[in-house]
Structures are given as C-alpha cells and as structure tokens.
Amino acid sequence: MSLKSQKRMAAEILDVGETRVWLDPEQTERIDEAITRQDIRNLIEGGAIKKKPKKGNSKGRSRKKKKQKKKGRRKGHGKRKGKKTARKGSKEKWMEQIRAIRNRLKEMKENEEITNDEYWKLYDMANGGVFRNVKHLENYTENKMER
C-alpha cells in the first residue's frame, strides 16, 4: 500500500513539504482509504496526519566559538587571512605605540625622573620613531642618565 498521493495532498493542504508530513503508522489503513482532499482534511482534524515541526539550525556551536574568540582563542596563524596590516593598520599600530611612549614620558617628567629639556628632546625623538616601545625608551633614559 502506497501512501504517496495521500502524503502529497496532505503536504499541499498543510502548506509544507512532503518530508514534514507525519502519517500515523497505526492508522495506515484509514489513510490508504482516503482519496479526496476532504478525506485528508478529516484525517488531519482526527490527528492521523500531522505537520512535523521545523528543524532549524542549532546556534550552540557558534555561541561556543564566539565565547572562545572573546577570550582571545582561535586567532592563530591558521585562522588569519590577509596581511598583518589588514588586521591592524600601520597607523593604528603607530598610534598605540606613540601614545604609550608619550604617557610614559609624561609620568617620568611628573616624577622628576627627567627634566623639562630632556622631556622635549625625548618627545621629539619618539616622534621621529627612535623608540620601539616603552621599555626601549626606559633603557635609553637609564643609559643616558648613567653617563
């Protein structure tokens, strides 16, 4: 007994695909006897034919991945696309670097580790790109102070 046409009609009536139509396995004889659309509607009302729920895609894995990325994981070489400058521009990198150096210079001046003249000399040097980072600046000032 083939319930192909009944399933097709039920799908059209329920306005879903044929895969989402559920036919009660215990009432296959009743379903097989149904040949008109009205018979199918009666079976739907009787509960012999039902609409299966939509499946949908689970977001669980993507949520987990997002949580990991927030922690700084999954950012290794294999996950990167584009040049280093595409991920962070050279200007942004420079801004971070120079701001850190200038803040340290300001602290050094306030703590009287360097004089005002030395501050401006080092400020101009930093602007010229002499110092790689804050540590480099500190090493430079320590070595200069010793002489």
Protein backbone atom coordinates (compact mmCIF):
# COMPACT_ATOMS: atom_id res chain seq x y z
CA MET A 1 0.00 0.00 0.00
CA SER A 2 1.48 3.30 -1.16
CA LEU A 3 0.54 6.48 0.68
CA LYS A 4 2.41 8.69 -1.78
CA SER A 5 -0.63 10.57 -3.12
CA GLN A 6 -2.11 10.99 0.38
CA LYS A 7 1.18 12.43 1.63
CA ARG A 8 1.33 14.79 -1.38
CA MET A 9 -2.23 16.04 -0.80
CA ALA A 10 -1.60 16.44 2.94
CA ALA A 11 1.55 18.47 2.17
CA GLU A 12 -0.44 20.80 -0.07
CA ILE A 13 -3.24 21.19 2.49
CA LEU A 14 -0.84 21.76 5.41
CA ASP A 15 1.29 24.05 3.19
CA VAL A 16 4.56 22.24 3.99
CA GLY A 17 6.97 19.94 2.15
CA GLU A 18 6.26 16.22 1.93
CA THR A 19 9.09 15.45 4.34
CA ARG A 20 7.30 17.43 7.07
CA VAL A 21 4.09 15.38 6.83
CA TRP A 22 3.68 12.74 9.58
CA LEU A 23 1.37 9.83 8.94
CA ASP A 24 0.25 7.77 11.95
CA PRO A 25 1.68 4.26 11.41
CA GLU A 26 -1.23 2.70 13.34
CA GLN A 27 -3.84 4.25 11.01
CA THR A 28 -2.32 3.38 7.64
CA GLU A 29 -5.49 1.55 6.50
CA ARG A 30 -7.66 4.64 7.16
CA ILE A 31 -5.13 6.89 5.41
CA ASP A 32 -4.95 4.50 2.43
CA GLU A 33 -8.74 4.66 2.01
CA ALA A 34 -8.66 8.49 1.85
CA ILE A 35 -8.80 9.50 -1.80
CA THR A 36 -10.20 13.04 -1.72
CA ARG A 37 -8.85 16.24 -0.20
CA GLN A 38 -11.79 16.34 2.17
CA ASP A 39 -10.86 12.85 3.44
CA ILE A 40 -7.32 14.12 4.09
CA ARG A 41 -8.68 17.21 5.91
CA ASN A 42 -10.81 14.93 8.11
CA LEU A 43 -7.72 12.81 8.93
CA ILE A 44 -5.78 15.95 9.82
CA GLU A 45 -8.59 17.00 12.20
CA GLY A 46 -8.65 13.48 13.62
CA GLY A 47 -4.87 13.55 14.29
CA ALA A 48 -3.91 10.74 11.90
CA ILE A 49 -1.93 13.20 9.80
CA LYS A 50 0.16 15.93 11.42
CA LYS A 51 2.66 18.60 10.49
CA LYS A 52 6.19 17.92 11.82
CA PRO A 53 7.94 20.90 13.49
CA LYS A 54 10.57 22.87 11.64
CA LYS A 55 14.12 21.70 12.26
CA GLY A 56 16.20 24.88 12.20
CA ASN A 57 19.93 25.12 12.82
CA SER A 58 21.38 24.99 16.30
CA LYS A 59 23.38 28.06 17.36
CA GLY A 60 25.08 26.19 20.20
CA ARG A 61 28.34 25.60 18.35
CA SER A 62 28.52 29.16 17.04
CA ARG A 63 27.85 30.56 20.54
CA LYS A 64 30.66 28.41 21.95
CA LYS A 65 33.00 29.61 19.18
CA LYS A 66 32.06 33.25 19.86
CA LYS A 67 32.76 32.77 23.58
CA GLN A 68 36.19 31.33 22.77
CA LYS A 69 37.01 34.20 20.41
CA LYS A 70 36.02 36.69 23.12
CA LYS A 71 38.65 35.07 25.35
CA GLY A 72 41.23 35.51 22.59
CA ARG A 73 41.30 31.91 21.38
CA ARG A 74 41.09 30.75 17.73
CA LYS A 75 43.27 33.57 16.46
CA GLY A 76 46.36 31.58 15.46
CA HIS A 77 48.15 31.66 12.11
CA GLY A 78 45.75 29.16 10.55
CA LYS A 79 42.74 31.41 11.20
CA ARG A 80 44.23 34.56 9.71
CA LYS A 81 43.51 35.90 6.25
CA GLY A 82 45.15 38.95 4.75
CA LYS A 83 48.34 40.75 5.67
CA LYS A 84 49.22 41.84 9.17
CA THR A 85 48.41 45.41 8.15
CA ALA A 86 44.95 44.32 7.01
CA ARG A 87 44.09 43.11 10.51
CA LYS A 88 45.51 46.22 12.20
CA GLY A 89 46.60 49.17 10.08
CA SER A 90 50.09 50.63 10.41
CA LYS A 91 48.60 53.95 11.56
CA GLU A 92 46.63 52.30 14.37
CA LYS A 93 49.78 50.43 15.43
CA TRP A 94 51.77 53.68 15.44
CA MET A 95 49.07 55.50 17.42
CA GLU A 96 49.07 52.80 20.13
CA GLN A 97 52.86 52.87 20.29
CA ILE A 98 53.33 56.65 20.39
CA ARG A 99 50.54 57.19 22.93
CA ALA A 100 52.11 54.66 25.31
CA ILE A 101 55.54 56.29 24.93
CA ARG A 102 54.17 59.82 25.42
CA ASN A 103 52.21 58.76 28.52
CA ARG A 104 55.39 57.24 29.99
CA LEU A 105 57.33 60.41 29.17
CA LYS A 106 54.68 62.48 30.95
CA GLU A 107 54.92 60.21 34.02
CA MET A 108 58.71 60.49 34.00
CA LYS A 109 58.52 64.29 33.90
CA GLU A 110 55.93 64.41 36.71
CA ASN A 111 58.02 62.05 38.86
CA GLU A 112 61.06 64.25 38.11
CA GLU A 113 62.99 61.36 36.55
CA ILE A 114 63.78 63.69 33.64
CA THR A 115 63.97 67.48 33.25
CA ASN A 116 61.72 69.55 31.01
CA ASP A 117 64.51 69.96 28.42
CA GLU A 118 65.17 66.21 28.41
CA TYR A 119 61.41 65.60 28.12
CA TRP A 120 61.13 67.64 24.93
CA LYS A 121 64.28 66.12 23.46
CA LEU A 122 62.92 62.61 24.11
CA TYR A 123 59.44 63.66 22.88
CA ASP A 124 60.90 64.76 19.54
CA MET A 125 62.96 61.58 19.33
CA ALA A 126 59.85 59.49 19.96
CA ASN A 127 58.05 61.43 17.22
CA GLY A 128 60.94 60.58 14.90
CA GLY A 129 60.45 56.88 15.60
CA VAL A 130 63.63 56.28 17.61
CA PHE A 131 61.95 54.16 20.31
CA ARG A 132 60.39 50.78 19.52
CA ASN A 133 58.36 50.70 22.73
CA VAL A 134 58.16 51.98 26.32
CA LYS A 135 60.84 49.55 27.52
CA HIS A 136 63.23 50.81 24.85
CA LEU A 137 62.59 54.39 25.98
CA GLU A 138 63.25 53.45 29.62
CA ASN A 139 66.50 51.65 28.75
CA TYR A 140 67.61 54.66 26.70
CA THR A 141 66.94 57.12 29.56
CA GLU A 142 68.68 54.87 32.14
CA ASN A 143 71.80 54.57 29.96
CA LYS A 144 71.84 58.31 29.26
CA MET A 145 71.48 59.16 32.97
CA GLU A 146 74.50 57.00 33.89
CA ARG A 147 76.83 58.94 31.56
